[in-house]
Structure formats: structure tokens, C-alpha cells
Amino acid sequence: DLIFWKGHVAMVVNPDTLIHANGHTMSVCYEGIREAIHRISSGGHGLVQARQRY
């Protein structure tokens, strides 16, 4: 599954974790989905959207 927000995409690893190139830490990292969505939404980076595979 994929999660998108303004100018970015992350891959879902499992129900609780994503992996992405993180501009916040300047590295590729695993991050909790809930924590990432909270950080992105409160940082004014736009709407977080998900795309599930079939």
C-alpha cells in the first residue's frame, strides 16, 4: 500500500509502519504510520491520502 501527501510518497510495510525518504531526519527510515500522519498534518504539509493495493 502507498501513502501520499504533498510532494511525497511512502510505502506501507505493515499495518503500523511505513518507510520513506524522510526530509525531517534527512534519511530513509521506518516510521509509525500514526506518528507520521500526525507530524505531516500538523506541519501544514497537506492532506494525507492512502492507496491500497487490490
C-alpha atoms as a PDB file:
ATOM      1  CA  ASP A   1       0.000   0.000   0.000  1.00  0.00           C
ATOM      2  CA  LEU A   2       1.084   3.595  -0.558  1.00  0.00           C
ATOM      3  CA  ILE A   3       0.514   6.780   1.417  1.00  0.00           C
ATOM      4  CA  PHE A   4       0.736  10.147  -0.347  1.00  0.00           C
ATOM      5  CA  TRP A   5       0.999  13.743   0.803  1.00  0.00           C
ATOM      6  CA  LYS A   6       2.139  16.944  -0.881  1.00  0.00           C
ATOM      7  CA  GLY A   7       5.203  16.092  -2.997  1.00  0.00           C
ATOM      8  CA  HIS A   8       5.835  12.762  -1.274  1.00  0.00           C
ATOM      9  CA  VAL A   9       5.007   9.061  -1.145  1.00  0.00           C
ATOM     10  CA  ALA A  10       5.677   6.347   1.437  1.00  0.00           C
ATOM     11  CA  MET A  11       5.345   2.564   1.298  1.00  0.00           C
ATOM     12  CA  VAL A  12       3.380   0.730   3.965  1.00  0.00           C
ATOM     13  CA  VAL A  13       5.465  -2.076   5.480  1.00  0.00           C
ATOM     14  CA  ASN A  14       2.854  -3.470   7.870  1.00  0.00           C
ATOM     15  CA  PRO A  15      -0.371  -2.183   9.481  1.00  0.00           C
ATOM     16  CA  ASP A  16       1.564   0.140  11.824  1.00  0.00           C
ATOM     17  CA  THR A  17       4.728   1.137   9.910  1.00  0.00           C
ATOM     18  CA  LEU A  18       5.782   2.933   6.728  1.00  0.00           C
ATOM     19  CA  ILE A  19       9.153   3.522   5.074  1.00  0.00           C
ATOM     20  CA  HIS A  20      10.101   6.701   3.242  1.00  0.00           C
ATOM     21  CA  ALA A  21      12.845   9.192   2.489  1.00  0.00           C
ATOM     22  CA  ASN A  22      12.259  11.480   5.430  1.00  0.00           C
ATOM     23  CA  GLY A  23      13.106  15.154   4.984  1.00  0.00           C
ATOM     24  CA  HIS A  24      12.508  15.606   8.713  1.00  0.00           C
ATOM     25  CA  THR A  25      15.513  13.365   9.561  1.00  0.00           C
ATOM     26  CA  MET A  26      17.219  13.549   6.121  1.00  0.00           C
ATOM     27  CA  SER A  27      17.335   9.763   5.850  1.00  0.00           C
ATOM     28  CA  VAL A  28      15.346   6.767   4.658  1.00  0.00           C
ATOM     29  CA  CYS A  29      13.591   5.439   7.726  1.00  0.00           C
ATOM     30  CA  TYR A  30      10.811   3.395   9.182  1.00  0.00           C
ATOM     31  CA  GLU A  31       8.196   5.464  10.979  1.00  0.00           C
ATOM     32  CA  GLY A  32       4.939   4.687  12.739  1.00  0.00           C
ATOM     33  CA  ILE A  33       2.000   5.492  10.445  1.00  0.00           C
ATOM     34  CA  ARG A  34       0.003   7.306  13.135  1.00  0.00           C
ATOM     35  CA  GLU A  35       3.022   9.352  14.201  1.00  0.00           C
ATOM     36  CA  ALA A  36       3.874  10.253  10.602  1.00  0.00           C
ATOM     37  CA  ILE A  37       0.316  11.319   9.774  1.00  0.00           C
ATOM     38  CA  HIS A  38       0.167  13.468  12.906  1.00  0.00           C
ATOM     39  CA  ARG A  39       3.542  15.113  12.124  1.00  0.00           C
ATOM     40  CA  ILE A  40       2.630  15.731   8.470  1.00  0.00           C
ATOM     41  CA  SER A  41      -0.856  17.082   9.207  1.00  0.00           C
ATOM     42  CA  SER A  42       0.308  19.394  11.994  1.00  0.00           C
ATOM     43  CA  GLY A  43       3.251  20.606   9.916  1.00  0.00           C
ATOM     44  CA  GLY A  44       0.993  22.033   7.210  1.00  0.00           C
ATOM     45  CA  HIS A  45       2.132  19.557   4.551  1.00  0.00           C
ATOM     46  CA  GLY A  46      -1.373  18.965   3.237  1.00  0.00           C
ATOM     47  CA  LEU A  47      -3.821  16.110   3.203  1.00  0.00           C
ATOM     48  CA  VAL A  48      -2.510  12.578   3.740  1.00  0.00           C
ATOM     49  CA  GLN A  49      -4.086  10.061   1.356  1.00  0.00           C
ATOM     50  CA  ALA A  50      -3.734   6.297   1.098  1.00  0.00           C
ATOM     51  CA  ARG A  51      -3.932   3.962  -1.869  1.00  0.00           C
ATOM     52  CA  GLN A  52      -4.498   0.302  -1.095  1.00  0.00           C
ATOM     53  CA  ARG A  53      -3.496  -2.459  -3.449  1.00  0.00           C
ATOM     54  CA  TYR A  54      -6.145  -4.905  -4.536  1.00  0.00           C
END
